[in-house]
Amino acid sequence: MVFNYFLLGKKNKCEIIYKHSFILYPMVVSNITNESSGFLTDILMNVGEIGLWLQTIGVLVILIIANMVFNIITNKKRLERLKKIESKMNSLDKKINKIVKPKKK
């Protein structure tokens, strides 16, 4: 209300409300601090729970990344083995083609 009277330019009403606000100020502050202590503890408890969830998610992400790295390493080794087998098959196929292919005279 003080702000509204100030905008309207009615200084006398603004001064009256301003004087009364000093009388109510200690009561309001004490009520806010008493009520806010429970509220702040609730907020801190919720933030703590969120922190635990974030920590759990972080551990899961690290485990997923470790699993991906393990899969990449094993797949790379498998590909190397497959390439060796493929090269051996190609060389055997060339040798068989030479034997089976009739010579032209």
Protein backbone atom coordinates (compact mmCIF):
# COMPACT_ATOMS: atom_id res chain seq x y z
CA MET A 1 0.00 0.00 0.00
CA VAL A 2 2.85 2.37 0.72
CA PHE A 3 4.06 1.97 -2.83
CA ASN A 4 0.60 2.67 -4.28
CA TYR A 5 0.16 5.88 -2.23
CA PHE A 6 3.63 7.00 -3.20
CA LEU A 7 2.83 6.57 -6.88
CA LEU A 8 -0.40 8.54 -6.50
CA GLY A 9 1.51 11.37 -4.84
CA LYS A 10 -0.52 11.46 -1.61
CA LYS A 11 2.29 12.13 0.81
CA ASN A 12 0.20 12.50 3.96
CA LYS A 13 -1.31 9.00 3.68
CA CYS A 14 2.09 7.62 2.76
CA GLU A 15 3.60 9.11 5.90
CA ILE A 16 0.85 7.66 8.08
CA ILE A 17 1.29 4.15 6.70
CA TYR A 18 5.07 4.50 6.87
CA LYS A 19 4.89 5.45 10.58
CA HIS A 20 2.66 2.46 11.35
CA SER A 21 4.94 0.09 9.50
CA PHE A 22 7.74 0.78 12.00
CA ILE A 23 5.44 -0.28 14.83
CA LEU A 24 4.60 -3.58 13.12
CA TYR A 25 8.13 -4.29 11.87
CA PRO A 26 9.52 -6.15 14.95
CA MET A 27 6.43 -8.37 15.14
CA VAL A 28 6.60 -9.21 11.44
CA VAL A 29 10.31 -10.00 11.56
CA SER A 30 9.93 -12.28 14.59
CA ASN A 31 7.01 -14.11 12.95
CA ILE A 32 8.94 -14.52 9.70
CA THR A 33 12.02 -15.91 11.42
CA ASN A 34 9.97 -18.32 13.53
CA GLU A 35 7.97 -19.54 10.56
CA SER A 36 10.89 -19.57 8.15
CA SER A 37 13.07 -21.87 10.25
CA GLY A 38 10.75 -24.80 9.52
CA PHE A 39 10.42 -23.73 5.92
CA LEU A 40 14.19 -23.45 5.48
CA THR A 41 14.79 -26.88 6.97
CA ASP A 42 12.23 -28.32 4.57
CA ILE A 43 13.97 -26.63 1.65
CA LEU A 44 17.38 -27.88 2.81
CA MET A 45 16.03 -31.41 3.19
CA ASN A 46 14.58 -31.28 -0.33
CA VAL A 47 17.85 -29.94 -1.71
CA GLY A 48 19.68 -32.75 0.07
CA GLU A 49 17.38 -35.32 -1.51
CA ILE A 50 17.93 -33.74 -4.92
CA GLY A 51 21.68 -33.95 -4.28
CA LEU A 52 21.40 -37.67 -3.55
CA TRP A 53 19.42 -38.22 -6.75
CA LEU A 54 22.00 -36.27 -8.75
CA GLN A 55 24.78 -38.31 -7.18
CA THR A 56 22.97 -41.54 -8.09
CA ILE A 57 22.45 -40.34 -11.65
CA GLY A 58 26.14 -39.41 -11.85
CA VAL A 59 27.19 -42.89 -10.75
CA LEU A 60 24.86 -44.43 -13.32
CA VAL A 61 26.27 -42.21 -16.08
CA ILE A 62 29.82 -43.23 -15.11
CA LEU A 63 28.83 -46.92 -15.21
CA ILE A 64 27.20 -46.48 -18.62
CA ILE A 65 30.31 -44.74 -19.97
CA ALA A 66 32.53 -47.51 -18.56
CA ASN A 67 30.29 -50.10 -20.24
CA MET A 68 30.54 -48.23 -23.56
CA VAL A 69 34.34 -48.09 -23.33
CA PHE A 70 34.47 -51.81 -22.57
CA ASN A 71 32.20 -52.55 -25.56
CA ILE A 72 34.32 -50.37 -27.86
CA ILE A 73 37.50 -52.19 -26.83
CA THR A 74 35.98 -55.66 -27.26
CA ASN A 75 34.40 -54.71 -30.61
CA LYS A 76 37.74 -53.40 -31.84
CA LYS A 77 39.40 -56.71 -30.98
CA ARG A 78 36.59 -58.62 -32.71
CA LEU A 79 36.97 -56.49 -35.84
CA GLU A 80 40.71 -57.18 -35.91
CA ARG A 81 40.04 -60.94 -35.70
CA LEU A 82 37.42 -60.70 -38.44
CA LYS A 83 39.82 -58.79 -40.69
CA LYS A 84 42.47 -61.48 -40.19
CA ILE A 85 39.95 -64.21 -40.99
CA GLU A 86 38.76 -62.27 -44.04
CA SER A 87 42.30 -61.83 -45.35
CA LYS A 88 42.98 -65.56 -44.89
CA MET A 89 39.73 -66.42 -46.66
CA ASN A 90 40.64 -64.11 -49.57
CA SER A 91 44.05 -65.72 -49.93
CA LEU A 92 42.49 -69.23 -49.80
CA ASP A 93 39.88 -68.17 -52.35
CA LYS A 94 42.62 -66.95 -54.72
CA LYS A 95 44.50 -70.23 -54.35
CA ILE A 96 41.38 -72.28 -54.96
CA ASN A 97 40.53 -70.18 -58.01
CA LYS A 98 43.98 -70.81 -59.43
CA ILE A 99 43.62 -74.55 -58.93
CA VAL A 100 40.07 -74.84 -60.25
CA LYS A 101 40.45 -72.46 -63.16
CA PRO A 102 41.45 -74.43 -66.26
CA LYS A 103 44.62 -73.35 -67.97
CA LYS A 104 44.30 -72.16 -71.52
CA LYS A 105 46.69 -73.69 -73.99
